[in-house]
Amino acid sequence: MKKYALLAASCLLVSPSVLASPRVLLAAESKIDFVVKEMGVPVSGEFKRFEAAIDIDPVKPEKSSASLKIQVGSLTTGSDEADAIAVDADWLDKVHAPYALFKSTSIRALGNGSFEAKGTLSIRNLERPIVLHFTSADQAGGKTIITSEFTIKRAEFKIGGGEWNQGDVVGEEIPVKVRLTLAPAH
């Protein structure tokens, strides 16, 4: 139940980096986490497999682009039973919608390493517009860290069904945290 929320959240989080040429995602140093509330109790999860294509022009951020592709089936909460429910047909439906996707339509600088990315988030093959705020920070050795936090609403992507949608069994809002580490530019 909580897992499905994670997928939705993860999809929303595709963020761009702040460098002039495309950067390689360092997946082992990157994370997409989420928290879902089940009966008021927070349940944490993450997506283990995702790809990103990030091309940020620091001089002309409006020419930048970002996309993210998350494998829904890589969702994990530490409970095999909960993970199976989260990727089942009522929740993230990994059989018919194996990926959550984000694609930017525009990116603009907000100052001090902060940016805004407008784009489309697709979860369960349902596309919704989204605006994400993210920060970009250069690190020693040339790596760049992109971070973002946002919230998705399960109902917007028809995530969940049956008993899980009754009362407050599973919370409607799913906070998502994204941390992408990009390799040094070449």
N, C-alpha and C. Protein backbone atom coordinates (compact mmCIF):
# COMPACT_ATOMS: atom_id res chain seq x y z
N MET A 1 0.83 -1.18 0.00
CA MET A 1 0.00 0.00 0.00
C MET A 1 0.87 1.24 0.00
N LYS A 2 1.81 1.26 0.85
CA LYS A 2 2.68 2.42 0.96
C LYS A 2 3.62 2.49 -0.24
N LYS A 3 3.90 1.35 -0.78
CA LYS A 3 4.87 1.25 -1.86
C LYS A 3 4.39 1.95 -3.11
N TYR A 4 3.12 1.86 -3.36
CA TYR A 4 2.55 2.45 -4.55
C TYR A 4 2.69 3.95 -4.47
N ALA A 5 2.52 4.48 -3.32
CA ALA A 5 2.68 5.90 -3.10
C ALA A 5 4.11 6.29 -3.40
N LEU A 6 5.04 5.45 -3.05
CA LEU A 6 6.44 5.75 -3.29
C LEU A 6 6.71 5.87 -4.76
N LEU A 7 6.17 4.98 -5.52
CA LEU A 7 6.40 5.03 -6.95
C LEU A 7 5.89 6.34 -7.50
N ALA A 8 4.70 6.71 -7.10
CA ALA A 8 4.13 7.95 -7.59
C ALA A 8 5.03 9.10 -7.21
N ALA A 9 5.48 9.11 -6.02
CA ALA A 9 6.33 10.18 -5.56
C ALA A 9 7.63 10.20 -6.31
N SER A 10 8.20 9.07 -6.50
CA SER A 10 9.45 9.00 -7.20
C SER A 10 9.35 9.56 -8.59
N CYS A 11 8.25 9.28 -9.25
CA CYS A 11 8.07 9.75 -10.60
C CYS A 11 8.10 11.26 -10.66
N LEU A 12 7.54 11.87 -9.67
CA LEU A 12 7.47 13.32 -9.65
C LEU A 12 8.82 13.96 -9.51
N LEU A 13 9.75 13.25 -9.04
CA LEU A 13 10.99 13.83 -8.62
C LEU A 13 12.07 13.90 -9.66
N VAL A 14 11.86 13.69 -10.85
CA VAL A 14 12.91 13.78 -11.84
C VAL A 14 13.42 15.20 -11.84
N SER A 15 14.65 15.39 -11.55
CA SER A 15 15.23 16.72 -11.43
C SER A 15 16.44 16.86 -12.33
N PRO A 16 16.66 18.06 -12.84
CA PRO A 16 17.83 18.33 -13.65
C PRO A 16 19.05 18.78 -12.83
N SER A 17 20.23 18.70 -13.41
CA SER A 17 21.42 19.18 -12.73
C SER A 17 21.87 20.50 -13.34
N VAL A 18 22.89 21.07 -12.77
CA VAL A 18 23.24 22.41 -13.18
C VAL A 18 24.59 22.48 -13.89
N LEU A 19 24.78 21.73 -14.94
CA LEU A 19 26.02 21.81 -15.68
C LEU A 19 25.77 21.93 -17.17
N ALA A 20 26.80 22.33 -17.92
CA ALA A 20 26.63 22.67 -19.33
C ALA A 20 26.49 21.48 -20.26
N SER A 21 26.89 20.29 -19.88
CA SER A 21 26.79 19.15 -20.78
C SER A 21 26.07 18.02 -20.06
N PRO A 22 25.55 17.05 -20.83
CA PRO A 22 24.84 15.94 -20.18
C PRO A 22 25.75 15.26 -19.16
N ARG A 23 25.14 14.84 -18.07
CA ARG A 23 25.89 14.23 -16.99
C ARG A 23 25.43 12.80 -16.78
N VAL A 24 26.34 11.96 -16.36
CA VAL A 24 26.04 10.57 -16.06
C VAL A 24 25.53 10.48 -14.62
N LEU A 25 24.41 9.79 -14.44
CA LEU A 25 23.87 9.56 -13.11
C LEU A 25 24.69 8.48 -12.42
N LEU A 26 25.12 8.75 -11.19
CA LEU A 26 25.81 7.75 -10.38
C LEU A 26 24.75 7.09 -9.50
N ALA A 27 24.16 6.04 -10.04
CA ALA A 27 23.00 5.39 -9.40
C ALA A 27 23.30 4.91 -7.99
N ALA A 28 24.48 4.37 -7.75
CA ALA A 28 24.82 3.84 -6.43
C ALA A 28 24.89 4.95 -5.37
N GLU A 29 25.03 6.20 -5.80
CA GLU A 29 25.11 7.33 -4.88
C GLU A 29 23.83 8.17 -4.92
N SER A 30 22.78 7.67 -5.57
CA SER A 30 21.53 8.41 -5.73
C SER A 30 20.40 7.66 -5.03
N LYS A 31 19.35 8.41 -4.64
CA LYS A 31 18.22 7.79 -3.93
C LYS A 31 16.92 8.48 -4.29
N ILE A 32 15.85 7.69 -4.32
CA ILE A 32 14.50 8.20 -4.40
C ILE A 32 13.72 7.52 -3.27
N ASP A 33 13.40 8.30 -2.25
CA ASP A 33 12.72 7.79 -1.05
C ASP A 33 11.31 8.35 -0.97
N PHE A 34 10.45 7.66 -0.24
CA PHE A 34 9.09 8.15 0.00
C PHE A 34 8.61 7.67 1.36
N VAL A 35 7.56 8.29 1.83
CA VAL A 35 6.93 7.88 3.08
C VAL A 35 5.44 7.87 2.85
N VAL A 36 4.81 6.77 3.22
CA VAL A 36 3.36 6.64 3.11
C VAL A 36 2.84 6.38 4.52
N LYS A 37 1.70 6.94 4.82
CA LYS A 37 1.13 6.68 6.14
C LYS A 37 0.03 5.64 6.02
N GLU A 38 0.20 4.57 6.79
CA GLU A 38 -0.80 3.51 6.84
C GLU A 38 -1.37 3.50 8.26
N MET A 39 -2.65 3.81 8.34
CA MET A 39 -3.33 3.91 9.63
C MET A 39 -2.58 4.87 10.55
N GLY A 40 -2.08 5.95 9.95
CA GLY A 40 -1.39 6.99 10.69
C GLY A 40 0.07 6.72 11.00
N VAL A 41 0.55 5.53 10.67
CA VAL A 41 1.94 5.16 10.96
C VAL A 41 2.78 5.35 9.69
N PRO A 42 3.87 6.12 9.77
CA PRO A 42 4.72 6.32 8.58
C PRO A 42 5.45 5.03 8.19
N VAL A 43 5.39 4.74 6.90
CA VAL A 43 6.10 3.59 6.34
C VAL A 43 7.03 4.14 5.25
N SER A 44 8.32 3.91 5.41
CA SER A 44 9.31 4.41 4.46
C SER A 44 9.58 3.38 3.37
N GLY A 45 9.94 3.89 2.20
CA GLY A 45 10.30 3.03 1.10
C GLY A 45 11.21 3.76 0.14
N GLU A 46 11.68 3.03 -0.86
CA GLU A 46 12.53 3.64 -1.88
C GLU A 46 12.43 2.84 -3.17
N PHE A 47 12.87 3.49 -4.24
CA PHE A 47 12.99 2.81 -5.53
C PHE A 47 14.47 2.54 -5.73
N LYS A 48 14.78 1.32 -6.09
CA LYS A 48 16.18 0.90 -6.23
C LYS A 48 16.74 1.09 -7.64
N ARG A 49 15.86 1.09 -8.67
CA ARG A 49 16.35 1.19 -10.05
C ARG A 49 15.66 2.34 -10.78
N PHE A 50 16.49 3.26 -11.28
CA PHE A 50 15.99 4.40 -12.05
C PHE A 50 17.12 4.95 -12.92
N GLU A 51 16.72 5.66 -13.95
CA GLU A 51 17.66 6.27 -14.89
C GLU A 51 17.31 7.75 -14.99
N ALA A 52 18.30 8.57 -15.33
CA ALA A 52 18.05 9.99 -15.51
C ALA A 52 18.88 10.49 -16.68
N ALA A 53 18.31 11.41 -17.45
CA ALA A 53 19.03 12.12 -18.51
C ALA A 53 18.91 13.60 -18.16
N ILE A 54 20.04 14.19 -17.78
CA ILE A 54 20.03 15.56 -17.29
C ILE A 54 21.02 16.40 -18.08
N ASP A 55 20.53 17.52 -18.60
CA ASP A 55 21.36 18.43 -19.38
C ASP A 55 20.99 19.85 -18.97
N ILE A 56 21.81 20.45 -18.13
CA ILE A 56 21.52 21.79 -17.62
C ILE A 56 22.56 22.77 -18.17
N ASP A 57 22.09 23.85 -18.74
CA ASP A 57 22.95 24.93 -19.21
C ASP A 57 22.89 26.04 -18.17
N PRO A 58 23.97 26.24 -17.40
CA PRO A 58 23.93 27.24 -16.33
C PRO A 58 23.81 28.67 -16.84
N VAL A 59 24.25 28.89 -18.07
CA VAL A 59 24.15 30.24 -18.65
C VAL A 59 22.75 30.49 -19.18
N LYS A 60 22.15 29.48 -19.79
CA LYS A 60 20.80 29.59 -20.34
C LYS A 60 19.98 28.41 -19.85
N PRO A 61 19.51 28.46 -18.59
CA PRO A 61 18.77 27.32 -18.04
C PRO A 61 17.51 26.98 -18.82
N GLU A 62 16.97 27.95 -19.53
CA GLU A 62 15.76 27.68 -20.34
C GLU A 62 16.03 26.69 -21.46
N LYS A 63 17.30 26.43 -21.78
CA LYS A 63 17.65 25.44 -22.80
C LYS A 63 17.94 24.07 -22.17
N SER A 64 17.76 23.97 -20.88
CA SER A 64 18.05 22.74 -20.15
C SER A 64 16.89 21.75 -20.26
N SER A 65 17.20 20.49 -19.92
CA SER A 65 16.15 19.46 -19.92
C SER A 65 16.50 18.38 -18.91
N ALA A 66 15.46 17.67 -18.48
CA ALA A 66 15.66 16.57 -17.53
C ALA A 66 14.57 15.54 -17.73
N SER A 67 14.95 14.28 -17.58
CA SER A 67 13.96 13.21 -17.61
C SER A 67 14.40 12.13 -16.62
N LEU A 68 13.39 11.41 -16.12
CA LEU A 68 13.64 10.36 -15.14
C LEU A 68 12.73 9.18 -15.48
N LYS A 69 13.30 7.99 -15.37
CA LYS A 69 12.56 6.76 -15.63
C LYS A 69 12.79 5.83 -14.44
N ILE A 70 11.71 5.55 -13.70
CA ILE A 70 11.79 4.74 -12.49
C ILE A 70 11.13 3.38 -12.72
N GLN A 71 11.82 2.32 -12.40
CA GLN A 71 11.25 0.97 -12.50
C GLN A 71 10.36 0.74 -11.28
N VAL A 72 9.05 0.68 -11.52
CA VAL A 72 8.08 0.52 -10.45
C VAL A 72 8.35 -0.75 -9.64
N GLY A 73 8.74 -1.80 -10.32
CA GLY A 73 8.99 -3.07 -9.64
C GLY A 73 10.18 -3.06 -8.71
N SER A 74 10.97 -1.97 -8.71
CA SER A 74 12.13 -1.90 -7.82
C SER A 74 11.78 -1.28 -6.47
N LEU A 75 10.50 -1.01 -6.23
CA LEU A 75 10.04 -0.45 -4.97
C LEU A 75 10.32 -1.42 -3.84
N THR A 76 10.82 -0.88 -2.74
CA THR A 76 11.06 -1.72 -1.57
C THR A 76 10.76 -0.94 -0.29
N THR A 77 10.13 -1.63 0.65
CA THR A 77 9.82 -1.05 1.96
C THR A 77 10.41 -1.90 3.08
N GLY A 78 11.04 -3.00 2.70
CA GLY A 78 11.56 -3.91 3.70
C GLY A 78 10.59 -5.03 4.05
N SER A 79 9.40 -5.01 3.42
CA SER A 79 8.40 -6.06 3.63
C SER A 79 8.00 -6.62 2.27
N ASP A 80 8.33 -7.87 2.02
CA ASP A 80 7.98 -8.49 0.73
C ASP A 80 6.48 -8.44 0.48
N GLU A 81 5.68 -8.67 1.51
CA GLU A 81 4.22 -8.66 1.36
C GLU A 81 3.73 -7.27 0.96
N ALA A 82 4.21 -6.25 1.64
CA ALA A 82 3.80 -4.87 1.34
C ALA A 82 4.29 -4.47 -0.05
N ASP A 83 5.49 -4.88 -0.43
CA ASP A 83 6.03 -4.55 -1.75
C ASP A 83 5.17 -5.17 -2.84
N ALA A 84 4.76 -6.41 -2.65
CA ALA A 84 3.91 -7.10 -3.64
C ALA A 84 2.58 -6.37 -3.81
N ILE A 85 1.99 -5.90 -2.72
CA ILE A 85 0.73 -5.16 -2.80
C ILE A 85 0.95 -3.84 -3.52
N ALA A 86 2.05 -3.14 -3.22
CA ALA A 86 2.33 -1.82 -3.78
C ALA A 86 2.48 -1.85 -5.30
N VAL A 87 2.99 -2.91 -5.86
CA VAL A 87 3.21 -2.97 -7.31
C VAL A 87 2.10 -3.74 -8.03
N ASP A 88 1.08 -4.20 -7.27
CA ASP A 88 -0.05 -4.93 -7.84
C ASP A 88 -0.95 -3.98 -8.64
N ALA A 89 -1.93 -4.54 -9.33
CA ALA A 89 -2.82 -3.80 -10.24
C ALA A 89 -3.55 -2.63 -9.58
N ASP A 90 -3.98 -2.76 -8.32
CA ASP A 90 -4.70 -1.67 -7.65
C ASP A 90 -3.79 -0.51 -7.28
N TRP A 91 -2.51 -0.75 -7.19
CA TRP A 91 -1.59 0.28 -6.74
C TRP A 91 -0.75 0.81 -7.88
N LEU A 92 0.46 0.37 -8.06
CA LEU A 92 1.33 0.92 -9.11
C LEU A 92 1.23 0.15 -10.43
N ASP A 93 0.62 -0.99 -10.40
CA ASP A 93 0.34 -1.79 -11.60
C ASP A 93 1.58 -1.99 -12.49
N LYS A 94 2.60 -2.63 -11.92
CA LYS A 94 3.85 -2.81 -12.66
C LYS A 94 3.70 -3.63 -13.95
N VAL A 95 2.68 -4.47 -14.04
CA VAL A 95 2.48 -5.26 -15.26
C VAL A 95 2.08 -4.37 -16.44
N HIS A 96 1.15 -3.44 -16.21
CA HIS A 96 0.66 -2.58 -17.29
C HIS A 96 1.35 -1.22 -17.34
N ALA A 97 2.03 -0.84 -16.28
CA ALA A 97 2.73 0.45 -16.20
C ALA A 97 4.06 0.23 -15.47
N PRO A 98 5.02 -0.41 -16.14
CA PRO A 98 6.26 -0.79 -15.46
C PRO A 98 7.17 0.38 -15.05
N TYR A 99 6.90 1.58 -15.57
CA TYR A 99 7.76 2.72 -15.27
C TYR A 99 6.94 3.93 -14.83
N ALA A 100 7.51 4.70 -13.95
CA ALA A 100 7.03 6.04 -13.63
C ALA A 100 8.00 6.96 -14.36
N LEU A 101 7.47 7.99 -15.00
CA LEU A 101 8.30 8.84 -15.85
C LEU A 101 8.11 10.32 -15.54
N PHE A 102 9.19 11.07 -15.63
CA PHE A 102 9.12 12.52 -15.55
C PHE A 102 9.88 13.07 -16.74
N LYS A 103 9.31 14.10 -17.38
CA LYS A 103 9.99 14.78 -18.48
C LYS A 103 9.74 16.26 -18.33
N SER A 104 10.82 17.03 -18.29
CA SER A 104 10.68 18.48 -18.14
C SER A 104 10.22 19.10 -19.45
N THR A 105 9.45 20.19 -19.32
CA THR A 105 9.07 21.00 -20.47
C THR A 105 9.76 22.35 -20.41
N SER A 106 10.16 22.77 -19.19
CA SER A 106 10.92 24.00 -19.02
C SER A 106 11.64 23.98 -17.68
N ILE A 107 12.77 24.68 -17.66
CA ILE A 107 13.55 24.81 -16.43
C ILE A 107 13.99 26.27 -16.33
N ARG A 108 13.87 26.82 -15.11
CA ARG A 108 14.33 28.20 -14.92
C ARG A 108 15.09 28.30 -13.60
N ALA A 109 16.07 29.19 -13.61
CA ALA A 109 16.88 29.44 -12.42
C ALA A 109 16.10 30.34 -11.47
N LEU A 110 16.19 30.03 -10.17
CA LEU A 110 15.56 30.85 -9.14
C LEU A 110 16.60 31.61 -8.32
N GLY A 111 17.88 31.30 -8.53
CA GLY A 111 18.97 31.95 -7.81
C GLY A 111 19.54 31.07 -6.72
N ASN A 112 20.81 31.30 -6.39
CA ASN A 112 21.49 30.58 -5.31
C ASN A 112 21.42 29.07 -5.44
N GLY A 113 21.55 28.54 -6.65
CA GLY A 113 21.55 27.10 -6.87
C GLY A 113 20.18 26.44 -6.85
N SER A 114 19.13 27.27 -6.82
CA SER A 114 17.76 26.73 -6.84
C SER A 114 17.15 26.88 -8.22
N PHE A 115 16.32 25.90 -8.60
CA PHE A 115 15.71 25.88 -9.92
C PHE A 115 14.26 25.42 -9.81
N GLU A 116 13.52 25.69 -10.87
CA GLU A 116 12.15 25.21 -11.00
C GLU A 116 12.06 24.45 -12.31
N ALA A 117 11.54 23.23 -12.26
CA ALA A 117 11.34 22.42 -13.45
C ALA A 117 9.84 22.18 -13.61
N LYS A 118 9.29 22.60 -14.74
CA LYS A 118 7.91 22.26 -15.08
C LYS A 118 7.97 21.07 -16.02
N GLY A 119 7.01 20.17 -15.89
CA GLY A 119 7.03 19.00 -16.74
C GLY A 119 5.82 18.13 -16.56
N THR A 120 5.96 16.90 -17.03
CA THR A 120 4.88 15.92 -16.96
C THR A 120 5.35 14.72 -16.14
N LEU A 121 4.50 14.30 -15.22
CA LEU A 121 4.77 13.11 -14.43
C LEU A 121 3.76 12.05 -14.86
N SER A 122 4.26 10.86 -15.15
CA SER A 122 3.40 9.76 -15.57
C SER A 122 3.56 8.61 -14.57
N ILE A 123 2.43 8.24 -13.95
CA ILE A 123 2.37 7.10 -13.05
C ILE A 123 1.13 6.31 -13.42
N ARG A 124 1.25 5.00 -13.54
CA ARG A 124 0.13 4.14 -13.97
C ARG A 124 -0.37 4.57 -15.35
N ASN A 125 0.53 5.07 -16.18
CA ASN A 125 0.21 5.54 -17.53
C ASN A 125 -0.73 6.74 -17.53
N LEU A 126 -0.85 7.43 -16.41
CA LEU A 126 -1.65 8.65 -16.31
C LEU A 126 -0.68 9.82 -16.21
N GLU A 127 -0.79 10.77 -17.14
CA GLU A 127 0.10 11.93 -17.15
C GLU A 127 -0.55 13.11 -16.46
N ARG A 128 0.25 13.79 -15.63
CA ARG A 128 -0.21 14.99 -14.93
C ARG A 128 0.90 16.02 -14.99
N PRO A 129 0.53 17.31 -15.14
CA PRO A 129 1.57 18.36 -15.08
C PRO A 129 2.09 18.47 -13.66
N ILE A 130 3.36 18.84 -13.54
CA ILE A 130 3.97 18.99 -12.22
C ILE A 130 5.02 20.09 -12.27
N VAL A 131 5.18 20.77 -11.16
CA VAL A 131 6.23 21.77 -10.99
C VAL A 131 7.08 21.31 -9.81
N LEU A 132 8.37 21.12 -10.07
CA LEU A 132 9.31 20.66 -9.05
C LEU A 132 10.36 21.73 -8.78
N HIS A 133 10.66 21.94 -7.53
CA HIS A 133 11.77 22.81 -7.16
C HIS A 133 12.92 21.92 -6.75
N PHE A 134 14.12 22.29 -7.18
CA PHE A 134 15.29 21.49 -6.82
C PHE A 134 16.49 22.40 -6.63
N THR A 135 17.48 21.86 -5.94
CA THR A 135 18.74 22.58 -5.77
C THR A 135 19.85 21.76 -6.40
N SER A 136 20.89 22.48 -6.80
CA SER A 136 22.05 21.85 -7.40
C SER A 136 23.28 22.36 -6.67
N ALA A 137 24.13 21.44 -6.24
CA ALA A 137 25.33 21.82 -5.51
C ALA A 137 26.54 21.06 -6.05
N ASP A 138 27.55 21.80 -6.51
CA ASP A 138 28.78 21.19 -6.98
C ASP A 138 29.57 20.69 -5.77
N GLN A 139 30.22 19.54 -5.95
CA GLN A 139 30.98 18.91 -4.88
C GLN A 139 32.46 18.87 -5.25
N ALA A 140 33.29 18.63 -4.27
CA ALA A 140 34.72 18.43 -4.52
C ALA A 140 34.86 17.24 -5.47
N GLY A 141 35.77 17.34 -6.39
CA GLY A 141 35.98 16.25 -7.34
C GLY A 141 35.10 16.36 -8.58
N GLY A 142 34.27 17.38 -8.66
CA GLY A 142 33.48 17.62 -9.86
C GLY A 142 32.09 17.02 -9.90
N LYS A 143 31.71 16.25 -8.88
CA LYS A 143 30.35 15.70 -8.85
C LYS A 143 29.35 16.83 -8.56
N THR A 144 28.09 16.59 -8.92
CA THR A 144 27.02 17.53 -8.61
C THR A 144 25.89 16.76 -7.94
N ILE A 145 25.34 17.34 -6.87
CA ILE A 145 24.23 16.74 -6.14
C ILE A 145 22.98 17.56 -6.42
N ILE A 146 21.94 16.88 -6.91
CA ILE A 146 20.64 17.49 -7.16
C ILE A 146 19.68 16.95 -6.09
N THR A 147 18.99 17.85 -5.39
CA THR A 147 18.03 17.41 -4.38
C THR A 147 16.67 18.08 -4.60
N SER A 148 15.64 17.35 -4.26
CA SER A 148 14.27 17.87 -4.38
C SER A 148 13.38 17.14 -3.39
N GLU A 149 12.40 17.85 -2.90
CA GLU A 149 11.37 17.25 -2.05
C GLU A 149 10.03 17.75 -2.56
N PHE A 150 9.08 16.84 -2.71
CA PHE A 150 7.75 17.21 -3.17
C PHE A 150 6.75 16.18 -2.67
N THR A 151 5.48 16.47 -2.89
CA THR A 151 4.42 15.58 -2.43
C THR A 151 3.52 15.23 -3.61
N ILE A 152 3.17 13.96 -3.72
CA ILE A 152 2.19 13.56 -4.72
C ILE A 152 0.92 13.11 -4.01
N LYS A 153 -0.18 13.19 -4.72
CA LYS A 153 -1.47 12.74 -4.19
C LYS A 153 -1.87 11.47 -4.92
N ARG A 154 -2.16 10.43 -4.16
CA ARG A 154 -2.50 9.13 -4.73
C ARG A 154 -3.67 9.21 -5.70
N ALA A 155 -4.72 9.96 -5.35
CA ALA A 155 -5.93 10.02 -6.17
C ALA A 155 -5.66 10.55 -7.57
N GLU A 156 -4.69 11.45 -7.72
CA GLU A 156 -4.38 12.02 -9.04
C GLU A 156 -3.90 10.96 -10.03
N PHE A 157 -3.35 9.86 -9.51
CA PHE A 157 -2.83 8.80 -10.36
C PHE A 157 -3.56 7.47 -10.15
N LYS A 158 -4.69 7.53 -9.45
CA LYS A 158 -5.50 6.35 -9.17
C LYS A 158 -4.68 5.23 -8.52
N ILE A 159 -3.85 5.64 -7.56
CA ILE A 159 -3.01 4.69 -6.84
C ILE A 159 -3.77 4.21 -5.61
N GLY A 160 -4.00 2.93 -5.54
CA GLY A 160 -4.72 2.34 -4.41
C GLY A 160 -6.11 1.92 -4.82
N GLY A 161 -6.65 1.02 -4.08
CA GLY A 161 -8.00 0.54 -4.38
C GLY A 161 -8.54 -0.27 -3.22
N GLY A 162 -9.82 -0.60 -3.33
CA GLY A 162 -10.46 -1.46 -2.34
C GLY A 162 -10.36 -0.92 -0.93
N GLU A 163 -10.05 -1.83 -0.01
CA GLU A 163 -10.01 -1.48 1.41
C GLU A 163 -9.00 -0.38 1.73
N TRP A 164 -7.97 -0.21 0.92
CA TRP A 164 -6.92 0.78 1.18
C TRP A 164 -7.42 2.21 1.00
N ASN A 165 -8.49 2.39 0.25
CA ASN A 165 -9.02 3.73 0.02
C ASN A 165 -10.15 4.07 0.98
N GLN A 166 -10.47 3.21 1.91
CA GLN A 166 -11.55 3.46 2.86
C GLN A 166 -11.01 4.18 4.08
N GLY A 167 -11.69 5.27 4.45
CA GLY A 167 -11.28 6.02 5.63
C GLY A 167 -9.85 6.52 5.50
N ASP A 168 -9.11 6.40 6.57
CA ASP A 168 -7.72 6.86 6.60
C ASP A 168 -6.75 5.69 6.66
N VAL A 169 -7.07 4.59 6.00
CA VAL A 169 -6.18 3.43 6.05
C VAL A 169 -4.82 3.80 5.48
N VAL A 170 -4.79 4.40 4.29
CA VAL A 170 -3.54 4.86 3.67
C VAL A 170 -3.69 6.34 3.37
N GLY A 171 -2.72 7.13 3.76
CA GLY A 171 -2.75 8.58 3.55
C GLY A 171 -2.78 8.95 2.08
N GLU A 172 -3.45 10.04 1.76
CA GLU A 172 -3.57 10.54 0.39
C GLU A 172 -2.26 11.15 -0.11
N GLU A 173 -1.56 11.86 0.74
CA GLU A 173 -0.34 12.55 0.33
C GLU A 173 0.90 11.70 0.62
N ILE A 174 1.80 11.69 -0.36
CA ILE A 174 3.03 10.91 -0.25
C ILE A 174 4.23 11.84 -0.45
N PRO A 175 4.93 12.16 0.63
CA PRO A 175 6.15 12.97 0.49
C PRO A 175 7.25 12.14 -0.17
N VAL A 176 7.96 12.79 -1.10
CA VAL A 176 9.04 12.14 -1.84
C VAL A 176 10.30 12.99 -1.71
N LYS A 177 11.43 12.31 -1.54
CA LYS A 177 12.74 12.98 -1.50
C LYS A 177 13.61 12.36 -2.58
N VAL A 178 14.24 13.23 -3.34
CA VAL A 178 15.12 12.78 -4.41
C VAL A 178 16.51 13.36 -4.19
N ARG A 179 17.49 12.51 -4.35
CA ARG A 179 18.90 12.94 -4.28
C ARG A 179 19.62 12.24 -5.43
N LEU A 180 20.01 13.01 -6.43
CA LEU A 180 20.70 12.47 -7.59
C LEU A 180 22.14 12.95 -7.57
N THR A 181 23.07 12.02 -7.71
CA THR A 181 24.49 12.37 -7.79
C THR A 181 24.93 12.20 -9.24
N LEU A 182 25.48 13.27 -9.79
CA LEU A 182 25.94 13.26 -11.18
C LEU A 182 27.46 13.22 -11.23
N ALA A 183 27.96 12.43 -12.17
CA ALA A 183 29.41 12.32 -12.36
C ALA A 183 29.97 13.65 -12.84
N PRO A 184 31.27 13.86 -12.67
CA PRO A 184 31.89 15.08 -13.18
C PRO A 184 31.67 15.22 -14.70
N ALA A 185 31.57 16.46 -15.15
CA ALA A 185 31.40 16.73 -16.58
C ALA A 185 32.72 16.38 -17.30
N HIS A 186 32.59 15.98 -18.52
CA HIS A 186 33.78 15.62 -19.31
C HIS A 186 34.20 16.79 -20.16
